[in-house]
Amino acid sequence: RMDVPEGTWSDVKFVTDNIQELCDKVKLKVEEKTQKDFKEYKAVFYRVLDMLVLHYVIKVYVGGEYLHLWVIQSASTGELIIQLMGVQQHHKWDDPLKPF
């Protein structure tokens, strides 16, 4: 497991369309990791760390609970690469969104 990158994470922000898109792109991986099939899957908040690679922690509502996703996005090779680095389950609405 990778160490959480050091650096300055943004404050918590409301999700934009492109953050929801990121979440949608990793949904199958999230369902594989959690072994669940999510009917509801709506990103609500996120934080970002901008290094050479963009690191996101994103709070996603999945009906009855929230997931925290760690997603990275890089365009180092000229093509956009999006990877799911981790998932935390059983979060609540007001649990702090912390890098993990």
PDB file of N, CA and C in Angstrom:
ATOM      1  N   ARG A   1       0.848  -1.193   0.000  1.00  0.00           N
ATOM      2  CA  ARG A   1       0.000   0.000   0.000  1.00  0.00           C
ATOM      3  C   ARG A   1       0.873   1.229   0.000  1.00  0.00           C
ATOM      4  N   MET A   2       0.538   2.163  -0.852  1.00  0.00           N
ATOM      5  CA  MET A   2       1.344   3.376  -0.955  1.00  0.00           C
ATOM      6  C   MET A   2       1.122   4.260   0.256  1.00  0.00           C
ATOM      7  N   ASP A   3       2.145   5.040   0.589  1.00  0.00           N
ATOM      8  CA  ASP A   3       1.974   6.020   1.645  1.00  0.00           C
ATOM      9  C   ASP A   3       1.183   7.195   1.103  1.00  0.00           C
ATOM     10  N   VAL A   4       0.403   7.799   1.957  1.00  0.00           N
ATOM     11  CA  VAL A   4      -0.334   8.997   1.572  1.00  0.00           C
ATOM     12  C   VAL A   4       0.694  10.056   1.193  1.00  0.00           C
ATOM     13  N   PRO A   5       0.548  10.652   0.018  1.00  0.00           N
ATOM     14  CA  PRO A   5       1.539  11.639  -0.397  1.00  0.00           C
ATOM     15  C   PRO A   5       1.538  12.850   0.519  1.00  0.00           C
ATOM     16  N   GLU A   6       2.732  13.332   0.821  1.00  0.00           N
ATOM     17  CA  GLU A   6       2.862  14.541   1.618  1.00  0.00           C
ATOM     18  C   GLU A   6       2.595  15.722   0.716  1.00  0.00           C
ATOM     19  N   GLY A   7       2.061  16.758   1.272  1.00  0.00           N
ATOM     20  CA  GLY A   7       1.782  17.937   0.475  1.00  0.00           C
ATOM     21  C   GLY A   7       0.560  18.608   1.043  1.00  0.00           C
ATOM     22  N   THR A   8       0.128  19.651   0.407  1.00  0.00           N
ATOM     23  CA  THR A   8      -0.993  20.413   0.916  1.00  0.00           C
ATOM     24  C   THR A   8      -2.262  20.038   0.173  1.00  0.00           C
ATOM     25  N   TRP A   9      -3.159  19.386   0.887  1.00  0.00           N
ATOM     26  CA  TRP A   9      -4.456  19.024   0.317  1.00  0.00           C
ATOM     27  C   TRP A   9      -5.363  20.235   0.363  1.00  0.00           C
ATOM     28  N   SER A  10      -6.230  20.357  -0.603  1.00  0.00           N
ATOM     29  CA  SER A  10      -7.195  21.460  -0.628  1.00  0.00           C
ATOM     30  C   SER A  10      -8.178  21.305   0.527  1.00  0.00           C
ATOM     31  N   ASP A  11      -8.902  22.375   0.788  1.00  0.00           N
ATOM     32  CA  ASP A  11     -10.044  22.269   1.684  1.00  0.00           C
ATOM     33  C   ASP A  11     -11.085  21.374   1.016  1.00  0.00           C
ATOM     34  N   VAL A  12     -12.077  20.971   1.786  1.00  0.00           N
ATOM     35  CA  VAL A  12     -13.162  20.170   1.234  1.00  0.00           C
ATOM     36  C   VAL A  12     -14.004  21.048   0.307  1.00  0.00           C
ATOM     37  N   LYS A  13     -14.271  20.547  -0.884  1.00  0.00           N
ATOM     38  CA  LYS A  13     -15.055  21.307  -1.866  1.00  0.00           C
ATOM     39  C   LYS A  13     -16.269  20.494  -2.296  1.00  0.00           C
ATOM     40  N   PHE A  14     -17.291  21.219  -2.782  1.00  0.00           N
ATOM     41  CA  PHE A  14     -18.443  20.527  -3.375  1.00  0.00           C
ATOM     42  C   PHE A  14     -18.023  19.955  -4.718  1.00  0.00           C
ATOM     43  N   VAL A  15     -18.581  18.801  -5.020  1.00  0.00           N
ATOM     44  CA  VAL A  15     -18.242  18.085  -6.241  1.00  0.00           C
ATOM     45  C   VAL A  15     -18.708  18.850  -7.487  1.00  0.00           C
ATOM     46  N   THR A  16     -17.904  18.777  -8.532  1.00  0.00           N
ATOM     47  CA  THR A  16     -18.261  19.323  -9.840  1.00  0.00           C
ATOM     48  C   THR A  16     -18.540  18.145 -10.773  1.00  0.00           C
ATOM     49  N   ASP A  17     -19.034  18.433 -11.956  1.00  0.00           N
ATOM     50  CA  ASP A  17     -19.341  17.365 -12.916  1.00  0.00           C
ATOM     51  C   ASP A  17     -18.126  16.505 -13.230  1.00  0.00           C
ATOM     52  N   ASN A  18     -16.950  17.150 -13.338  1.00  0.00           N
ATOM     53  CA  ASN A  18     -15.780  16.334 -13.719  1.00  0.00           C
ATOM     54  C   ASN A  18     -15.339  15.404 -12.588  1.00  0.00           C
ATOM     55  N   ILE A  19     -15.634  15.754 -11.348  1.00  0.00           N
ATOM     56  CA  ILE A  19     -15.329  14.846 -10.230  1.00  0.00           C
ATOM     57  C   ILE A  19     -16.284  13.651 -10.260  1.00  0.00           C
ATOM     58  N   GLN A  20     -17.567  13.929 -10.540  1.00  0.00           N
ATOM     59  CA  GLN A  20     -18.524  12.823 -10.663  1.00  0.00           C
ATOM     60  C   GLN A  20     -18.101  11.893 -11.804  1.00  0.00           C
ATOM     61  N   GLU A  21     -17.605  12.489 -12.880  1.00  0.00           N
ATOM     62  CA  GLU A  21     -17.136  11.696 -14.025  1.00  0.00           C
ATOM     63  C   GLU A  21     -15.979  10.777 -13.626  1.00  0.00           C
ATOM     64  N   LEU A  22     -15.047  11.324 -12.850  1.00  0.00           N
ATOM     65  CA  LEU A  22     -13.920  10.522 -12.339  1.00  0.00           C
ATOM     66  C   LEU A  22     -14.461   9.330 -11.559  1.00  0.00           C
ATOM     67  N   CYS A  23     -15.417   9.604 -10.664  1.00  0.00           N
ATOM     68  CA  CYS A  23     -16.003   8.540  -9.844  1.00  0.00           C
ATOM     69  C   CYS A  23     -16.689   7.496 -10.714  1.00  0.00           C
ATOM     70  N   ASP A  24     -17.402   7.969 -11.740  1.00  0.00           N
ATOM     71  CA  ASP A  24     -18.090   7.041 -12.639  1.00  0.00           C
ATOM     72  C   ASP A  24     -17.090   6.125 -13.347  1.00  0.00           C
ATOM     73  N   LYS A  25     -15.940   6.676 -13.682  1.00  0.00           N
ATOM     74  CA  LYS A  25     -14.929   5.885 -14.404  1.00  0.00           C
ATOM     75  C   LYS A  25     -14.339   4.766 -13.543  1.00  0.00           C
ATOM     76  N   VAL A  26     -14.360   4.934 -12.221  1.00  0.00           N
ATOM     77  CA  VAL A  26     -13.794   3.885 -11.354  1.00  0.00           C
ATOM     78  C   VAL A  26     -14.881   3.058 -10.656  1.00  0.00           C
ATOM     79  N   LYS A  27     -16.148   3.290 -11.024  1.00  0.00           N
ATOM     80  CA  LYS A  27     -17.251   2.616 -10.310  1.00  0.00           C
ATOM     81  C   LYS A  27     -17.129   1.094 -10.343  1.00  0.00           C
ATOM     82  N   LEU A  28     -16.814   0.526 -11.486  1.00  0.00           N
ATOM     83  CA  LEU A  28     -16.687  -0.936 -11.569  1.00  0.00           C
ATOM     84  C   LEU A  28     -15.609  -1.456 -10.633  1.00  0.00           C
ATOM     85  N   LYS A  29     -14.502  -0.728 -10.568  1.00  0.00           N
ATOM     86  CA  LYS A  29     -13.409  -1.114  -9.664  1.00  0.00           C
ATOM     87  C   LYS A  29     -13.859  -1.011  -8.205  1.00  0.00           C
ATOM     88  N   VAL A  30     -14.615   0.039  -7.897  1.00  0.00           N
ATOM     89  CA  VAL A  30     -15.132   0.218  -6.535  1.00  0.00           C
ATOM     90  C   VAL A  30     -16.047  -0.954  -6.185  1.00  0.00           C
ATOM     91  N   GLU A  31     -16.901  -1.341  -7.126  1.00  0.00           N
ATOM     92  CA  GLU A  31     -17.818  -2.455  -6.874  1.00  0.00           C
ATOM     93  C   GLU A  31     -17.067  -3.777  -6.732  1.00  0.00           C
ATOM     94  N   GLU A  32     -15.983  -3.934  -7.504  1.00  0.00           N
ATOM     95  CA  GLU A  32     -15.141  -5.134  -7.367  1.00  0.00           C
ATOM     96  C   GLU A  32     -14.529  -5.192  -5.974  1.00  0.00           C
ATOM     97  N   LYS A  33     -13.936  -4.068  -5.548  1.00  0.00           N
ATOM     98  CA  LYS A  33     -13.238  -4.028  -4.259  1.00  0.00           C
ATOM     99  C   LYS A  33     -14.190  -4.249  -3.089  1.00  0.00           C
ATOM    100  N   THR A  34     -15.398  -3.673  -3.178  1.00  0.00           N
ATOM    101  CA  THR A  34     -16.339  -3.771  -2.060  1.00  0.00           C
ATOM    102  C   THR A  34     -17.241  -4.997  -2.199  1.00  0.00           C
ATOM    103  N   GLN A  35     -17.222  -5.615  -3.371  1.00  0.00           N
ATOM    104  CA  GLN A  35     -18.106  -6.741  -3.699  1.00  0.00           C
ATOM    105  C   GLN A  35     -19.568  -6.376  -3.490  1.00  0.00           C
ATOM    106  N   LYS A  36     -19.894  -5.144  -3.909  1.00  0.00           N
ATOM    107  CA  LYS A  36     -21.269  -4.661  -3.818  1.00  0.00           C
ATOM    108  C   LYS A  36     -21.647  -4.038  -5.151  1.00  0.00           C
ATOM    109  N   ASP A  37     -22.944  -3.962  -5.365  1.00  0.00           N
ATOM    110  CA  ASP A  37     -23.472  -3.370  -6.587  1.00  0.00           C
ATOM    111  C   ASP A  37     -24.240  -2.121  -6.174  1.00  0.00           C
ATOM    112  N   PHE A  38     -23.729  -0.956  -6.518  1.00  0.00           N
ATOM    113  CA  PHE A  38     -24.336   0.280  -6.033  1.00  0.00           C
ATOM    114  C   PHE A  38     -25.342   0.848  -7.021  1.00  0.00           C
ATOM    115  N   LYS A  39     -26.608   0.907  -6.588  1.00  0.00           N
ATOM    116  CA  LYS A  39     -27.651   1.558  -7.400  1.00  0.00           C
ATOM    117  C   LYS A  39     -27.447   3.068  -7.317  1.00  0.00           C
ATOM    118  N   GLU A  40     -27.258   3.542  -6.083  1.00  0.00           N
ATOM    119  CA  GLU A  40     -26.953   4.958  -5.882  1.00  0.00           C
ATOM    120  C   GLU A  40     -25.445   5.107  -5.811  1.00  0.00           C
ATOM    121  N   TYR A  41     -24.947   6.186  -6.407  1.00  0.00           N
ATOM    122  CA  TYR A  41     -23.490   6.366  -6.453  1.00  0.00           C
ATOM    123  C   TYR A  41     -23.248   7.828  -6.829  1.00  0.00           C
ATOM    124  N   LYS A  42     -23.313   8.678  -5.804  1.00  0.00           N
ATOM    125  CA  LYS A  42     -23.267  10.111  -6.077  1.00  0.00           C
ATOM    126  C   LYS A  42     -22.166  10.777  -5.269  1.00  0.00           C
ATOM    127  N   ALA A  43     -21.198  11.333  -5.964  1.00  0.00           N
ATOM    128  CA  ALA A  43     -20.111  12.051  -5.293  1.00  0.00           C
ATOM    129  C   ALA A  43     -20.665  13.330  -4.676  1.00  0.00           C
ATOM    130  N   VAL A  44     -20.214  13.651  -3.453  1.00  0.00           N
ATOM    131  CA  VAL A  44     -20.711  14.861  -2.793  1.00  0.00           C
ATOM    132  C   VAL A  44     -19.620  15.871  -2.475  1.00  0.00           C
ATOM    133  N   PHE A  45     -18.510  15.401  -1.913  1.00  0.00           N
ATOM    134  CA  PHE A  45     -17.410  16.290  -1.544  1.00  0.00           C
ATOM    135  C   PHE A  45     -16.097  15.714  -2.023  1.00  0.00           C
ATOM    136  N   TYR A  46     -15.109  16.575  -2.159  1.00  0.00           N
ATOM    137  CA  TYR A  46     -13.785  16.066  -2.491  1.00  0.00           C
ATOM    138  C   TYR A  46     -12.701  17.009  -1.996  1.00  0.00           C
ATOM    139  N   ARG A  47     -11.502  16.472  -1.928  1.00  0.00           N
ATOM    140  CA  ARG A  47     -10.294  17.256  -1.687  1.00  0.00           C
ATOM    141  C   ARG A  47      -9.285  16.815  -2.732  1.00  0.00           C
ATOM    142  N   VAL A  48      -8.385  17.720  -3.090  1.00  0.00           N
ATOM    143  CA  VAL A  48      -7.410  17.395  -4.130  1.00  0.00           C
ATOM    144  C   VAL A  48      -6.018  17.828  -3.692  1.00  0.00           C
ATOM    145  N   LEU A  49      -5.054  17.042  -4.116  1.00  0.00           N
ATOM    146  CA  LEU A  49      -3.634  17.362  -3.922  1.00  0.00           C
ATOM    147  C   LEU A  49      -3.019  17.394  -5.310  1.00  0.00           C
ATOM    148  N   ASP A  50      -2.480  18.540  -5.677  1.00  0.00           N
ATOM    149  CA  ASP A  50      -1.928  18.716  -7.013  1.00  0.00           C
ATOM    150  C   ASP A  50      -0.417  18.606  -6.949  1.00  0.00           C
ATOM    151  N   MET A  51       0.100  17.444  -7.345  1.00  0.00           N
ATOM    152  CA  MET A  51       1.537  17.279  -7.488  1.00  0.00           C
ATOM    153  C   MET A  51       1.743  17.044  -8.977  1.00  0.00           C
ATOM    154  N   LEU A  52       2.639  16.174  -9.353  1.00  0.00           N
ATOM    155  CA  LEU A  52       2.747  15.845 -10.782  1.00  0.00           C
ATOM    156  C   LEU A  52       1.512  15.069 -11.210  1.00  0.00           C
ATOM    157  N   VAL A  53       0.951  14.397 -10.226  1.00  0.00           N
ATOM    158  CA  VAL A  53      -0.258  13.608 -10.421  1.00  0.00           C
ATOM    159  C   VAL A  53      -1.330  14.237  -9.538  1.00  0.00           C
ATOM    160  N   LEU A  54      -2.554  14.265  -9.996  1.00  0.00           N
ATOM    161  CA  LEU A  54      -3.645  14.760  -9.148  1.00  0.00           C
ATOM    162  C   LEU A  54      -4.151  13.624  -8.264  1.00  0.00           C
ATOM    163  N   HIS A  55      -4.144  13.858  -6.967  1.00  0.00           N
ATOM    164  CA  HIS A  55      -4.688  12.888  -6.013  1.00  0.00           C
ATOM    165  C   HIS A  55      -6.003  13.442  -5.503  1.00  0.00           C
ATOM    166  N   TYR A  56      -7.035  12.606  -5.508  1.00  0.00           N
ATOM    167  CA  TYR A  56      -8.336  13.031  -5.002  1.00  0.00           C
ATOM    168  C   TYR A  56      -8.783  12.112  -3.882  1.00  0.00           C
ATOM    169  N   VAL A  57      -9.347  12.676  -2.823  1.00  0.00           N
ATOM    170  CA  VAL A  57     -10.166  11.879  -1.905  1.00  0.00           C
ATOM    171  C   VAL A  57     -11.588  12.402  -2.093  1.00  0.00           C
ATOM    172  N   ILE A  58     -12.501  11.463  -2.308  1.00  0.00           N
ATOM    173  CA  ILE A  58     -13.856  11.827  -2.709  1.00  0.00           C
ATOM    174  C   ILE A  58     -14.861  11.073  -1.842  1.00  0.00           C
ATOM    175  N   LYS A  59     -15.830  11.809  -1.313  1.00  0.00           N
ATOM    176  CA  LYS A  59     -16.906  11.179  -0.537  1.00  0.00           C
ATOM    177  C   LYS A  59     -18.064  10.897  -1.488  1.00  0.00           C
ATOM    178  N   VAL A  60     -18.495   9.630  -1.520  1.00  0.00           N
ATOM    179  CA  VAL A  60     -19.531   9.200  -2.462  1.00  0.00           C
ATOM    180  C   VAL A  60     -20.690   8.571  -1.690  1.00  0.00           C
ATOM    181  N   TYR A  61     -21.892   9.071  -1.952  1.00  0.00           N
ATOM    182  CA  TYR A  61     -23.090   8.515  -1.314  1.00  0.00           C
ATOM    183  C   TYR A  61     -23.546   7.283  -2.072  1.00  0.00           C
ATOM    184  N   VAL A  62     -23.715   6.177  -1.346  1.00  0.00           N
ATOM    185  CA  VAL A  62     -24.123   4.940  -2.016  1.00  0.00           C
ATOM    186  C   VAL A  62     -25.402   4.357  -1.409  1.00  0.00           C
ATOM    187  N   GLY A  63     -26.190   5.230  -0.768  1.00  0.00           N
ATOM    188  CA  GLY A  63     -27.456   4.756  -0.196  1.00  0.00           C
ATOM    189  C   GLY A  63     -27.226   4.185   1.188  1.00  0.00           C
ATOM    190  N   GLY A  64     -27.545   4.949   2.211  1.00  0.00           N
ATOM    191  CA  GLY A  64     -27.387   4.454   3.579  1.00  0.00           C
ATOM    192  C   GLY A  64     -25.999   4.640   4.159  1.00  0.00           C
ATOM    193  N   GLU A  65     -25.012   4.839   3.335  1.00  0.00           N
ATOM    194  CA  GLU A  65     -23.652   5.081   3.823  1.00  0.00           C
ATOM    195  C   GLU A  65     -22.850   5.826   2.760  1.00  0.00           C
ATOM    196  N   TYR A  66     -21.675   6.198   3.154  1.00  0.00           N
ATOM    197  CA  TYR A  66     -20.767   6.906   2.248  1.00  0.00           C
ATOM    198  C   TYR A  66     -19.477   6.127   2.100  1.00  0.00           C
ATOM    199  N   LEU A  67     -18.917   6.187   0.906  1.00  0.00           N
ATOM    200  CA  LEU A  67     -17.581   5.650   0.669  1.00  0.00           C
ATOM    201  C   LEU A  67     -16.614   6.811   0.585  1.00  0.00           C
ATOM    202  N   HIS A  68     -15.379   6.569   0.964  1.00  0.00           N
ATOM    203  CA  HIS A  68     -14.305   7.501   0.673  1.00  0.00           C
ATOM    204  C   HIS A  68     -13.421   6.823  -0.367  1.00  0.00           C
ATOM    205  N   LEU A  69     -13.218   7.490  -1.490  1.00  0.00           N
ATOM    206  CA  LEU A  69     -12.386   6.946  -2.559  1.00  0.00           C
ATOM    207  C   LEU A  69     -11.096   7.741  -2.657  1.00  0.00           C
ATOM    208  N   TRP A  70     -10.009   7.043  -2.946  1.00  0.00           N
ATOM    209  CA  TRP A  70      -8.750   7.698  -3.273  1.00  0.00           C
ATOM    210  C   TRP A  70      -8.497   7.391  -4.748  1.00  0.00           C
ATOM    211  N   VAL A  71      -8.518   8.438  -5.552  1.00  0.00           N
ATOM    212  CA  VAL A  71      -8.382   8.287  -7.002  1.00  0.00           C
ATOM    213  C   VAL A  71      -7.235   9.167  -7.468  1.00  0.00           C
ATOM    214  N   ILE A  72      -6.406   8.646  -8.360  1.00  0.00           N
ATOM    215  CA  ILE A  72      -5.369   9.502  -8.940  1.00  0.00           C
ATOM    216  C   ILE A  72      -5.593   9.650 -10.436  1.00  0.00           C
ATOM    217  N   GLN A  73      -5.191  10.804 -10.914  1.00  0.00           N
ATOM    218  CA  GLN A  73      -5.352  11.122 -12.326  1.00  0.00           C
ATOM    219  C   GLN A  73      -4.026  11.684 -12.814  1.00  0.00           C
ATOM    220  N   SER A  74      -3.500  11.080 -13.859  1.00  0.00           N
ATOM    221  CA  SER A  74      -2.241  11.594 -14.403  1.00  0.00           C
ATOM    222  C   SER A  74      -2.325  11.625 -15.909  1.00  0.00           C
ATOM    223  N   ALA A  75      -1.577  12.527 -16.486  1.00  0.00           N
ATOM    224  CA  ALA A  75      -1.556  12.636 -17.944  1.00  0.00           C
ATOM    225  C   ALA A  75      -0.105  12.622 -18.396  1.00  0.00           C
ATOM    226  N   SER A  76       0.715  11.871 -17.672  1.00  0.00           N
ATOM    227  CA  SER A  76       2.157  11.904 -17.909  1.00  0.00           C
ATOM    228  C   SER A  76       2.534  11.447 -19.311  1.00  0.00           C
ATOM    229  N   THR A  77       1.796  10.490 -19.841  1.00  0.00           N
ATOM    230  CA  THR A  77       2.155   9.949 -21.154  1.00  0.00           C
ATOM    231  C   THR A  77       1.361  10.623 -22.270  1.00  0.00           C
ATOM    232  N   GLY A  78       0.653  11.694 -21.907  1.00  0.00           N
ATOM    233  CA  GLY A  78      -0.161  12.354 -22.913  1.00  0.00           C
ATOM    234  C   GLY A  78      -1.580  11.826 -22.912  1.00  0.00           C
ATOM    235  N   GLU A  79      -1.764  10.608 -22.390  1.00  0.00           N
ATOM    236  CA  GLU A  79      -3.137  10.113 -22.263  1.00  0.00           C
ATOM    237  C   GLU A  79      -3.527  10.167 -20.791  1.00  0.00           C
ATOM    238  N   LEU A  80      -4.801  10.342 -20.564  1.00  0.00           N
ATOM    239  CA  LEU A  80      -5.313  10.472 -19.205  1.00  0.00           C
ATOM    240  C   LEU A  80      -5.398   9.097 -18.555  1.00  0.00           C
ATOM    241  N   ILE A  81      -4.756   8.961 -17.412  1.00  0.00           N
ATOM    242  CA  ILE A  81      -4.816   7.693 -16.685  1.00  0.00           C
ATOM    243  C   ILE A  81      -5.517   7.944 -15.358  1.00  0.00           C
ATOM    244  N   ILE A  82      -6.546   7.169 -15.083  1.00  0.00           N
ATOM    245  CA  ILE A  82      -7.305   7.308 -13.845  1.00  0.00           C
ATOM    246  C   ILE A  82      -7.220   5.984 -13.109  1.00  0.00           C
ATOM    247  N   GLN A  83      -6.796   6.046 -11.857  1.00  0.00           N
ATOM    248  CA  GLN A  83      -6.623   4.812 -11.082  1.00  0.00           C
ATOM    249  C   GLN A  83      -7.301   4.937  -9.733  1.00  0.00           C
ATOM    250  N   LEU A  84      -7.957   3.868  -9.323  1.00  0.00           N
ATOM    251  CA  LEU A  84      -8.516   3.784  -7.982  1.00  0.00           C
ATOM    252  C   LEU A  84      -7.431   3.229  -7.064  1.00  0.00           C
ATOM    253  N   MET A  85      -7.041   4.018  -6.067  1.00  0.00           N
ATOM    254  CA  MET A  85      -5.969   3.597  -5.165  1.00  0.00           C
ATOM    255  C   MET A  85      -6.513   2.956  -3.888  1.00  0.00           C
ATOM    256  N   GLY A  86      -7.735   3.342  -3.525  1.00  0.00           N
ATOM    257  CA  GLY A  86      -8.290   2.766  -2.309  1.00  0.00           C
ATOM    258  C   GLY A  86      -9.736   3.159  -2.095  1.00  0.00           C
ATOM    259  N   VAL A  87     -10.415   2.353  -1.270  1.00  0.00           N
ATOM    260  CA  VAL A  87     -11.815   2.595  -0.913  1.00  0.00           C
ATOM    261  C   VAL A  87     -11.958   2.375   0.582  1.00  0.00           C
ATOM    262  N   GLN A  88     -12.645   3.278   1.246  1.00  0.00           N
ATOM    263  CA  GLN A  88     -13.039   3.060   2.641  1.00  0.00           C
ATOM    264  C   GLN A  88     -14.556   3.039   2.686  1.00  0.00           C
ATOM    265  N   GLN A  89     -15.104   2.015   3.358  1.00  0.00           N
ATOM    266  CA  GLN A  89     -16.552   1.863   3.449  1.00  0.00           C
ATOM    267  C   GLN A  89     -17.067   2.320   4.811  1.00  0.00           C
ATOM    268  N   HIS A  90     -18.392   2.358   4.933  1.00  0.00           N
ATOM    269  CA  HIS A  90     -19.089   2.601   6.204  1.00  0.00           C
ATOM    270  C   HIS A  90     -18.796   3.972   6.802  1.00  0.00           C
ATOM    271  N   HIS A  91     -18.648   4.973   5.938  1.00  0.00           N
ATOM    272  CA  HIS A  91     -18.484   6.332   6.454  1.00  0.00           C
ATOM    273  C   HIS A  91     -19.849   6.993   6.593  1.00  0.00           C
ATOM    274  N   LYS A  92     -19.871   8.043   7.429  1.00  0.00           N
ATOM    275  CA  LYS A  92     -21.075   8.838   7.612  1.00  0.00           C
ATOM    276  C   LYS A  92     -20.897  10.172   6.902  1.00  0.00           C
ATOM    277  N   TRP A  93     -22.020  10.883   6.772  1.00  0.00           N
ATOM    278  CA  TRP A  93     -22.057  12.195   6.121  1.00  0.00           C
ATOM    279  C   TRP A  93     -20.990  13.133   6.703  1.00  0.00           C
ATOM    280  N   ASP A  94     -20.880  13.149   8.041  1.00  0.00           N
ATOM    281  CA  ASP A  94     -20.014  14.137   8.676  1.00  0.00           C
ATOM    282  C   ASP A  94     -18.631  13.604   9.047  1.00  0.00           C
ATOM    283  N   ASP A  95     -18.290  12.393   8.614  1.00  0.00           N
ATOM    284  CA  ASP A  95     -16.918  11.920   8.856  1.00  0.00           C
ATOM    285  C   ASP A  95     -15.955  12.807   8.074  1.00  0.00           C
ATOM    286  N   PRO A  96     -14.860  13.232   8.721  1.00  0.00           N
ATOM    287  CA  PRO A  96     -13.906  14.075   7.989  1.00  0.00           C
ATOM    288  C   PRO A  96     -13.340  13.347   6.754  1.00  0.00           C
ATOM    289  N   LEU A  97     -13.178  14.086   5.708  1.00  0.00           N
ATOM    290  CA  LEU A  97     -12.629  13.534   4.466  1.00  0.00           C
ATOM    291  C   LEU A  97     -11.113  13.676   4.533  1.00  0.00           C
ATOM    292  N   LYS A  98     -10.451  12.584   4.930  1.00  0.00           N
ATOM    293  CA  LYS A  98      -9.006  12.627   5.147  1.00  0.00           C
ATOM    294  C   LYS A  98      -8.307  11.720   4.143  1.00  0.00           C
ATOM    295  N   PRO A  99      -7.141  12.139   3.674  1.00  0.00           N
ATOM    296  CA  PRO A  99      -6.353  11.249   2.820  1.00  0.00           C
ATOM    297  C   PRO A  99      -6.072   9.946   3.581  1.00  0.00           C
ATOM    298  N   PHE A 100      -6.034   8.841   2.865  1.00  0.00           N
ATOM    299  CA  PHE A 100      -5.743   7.535   3.496  1.00  0.00           C
ATOM    300  C   PHE A 100      -4.852   6.698   2.605  1.00  0.00           C
TER     301      PHE A 100
END
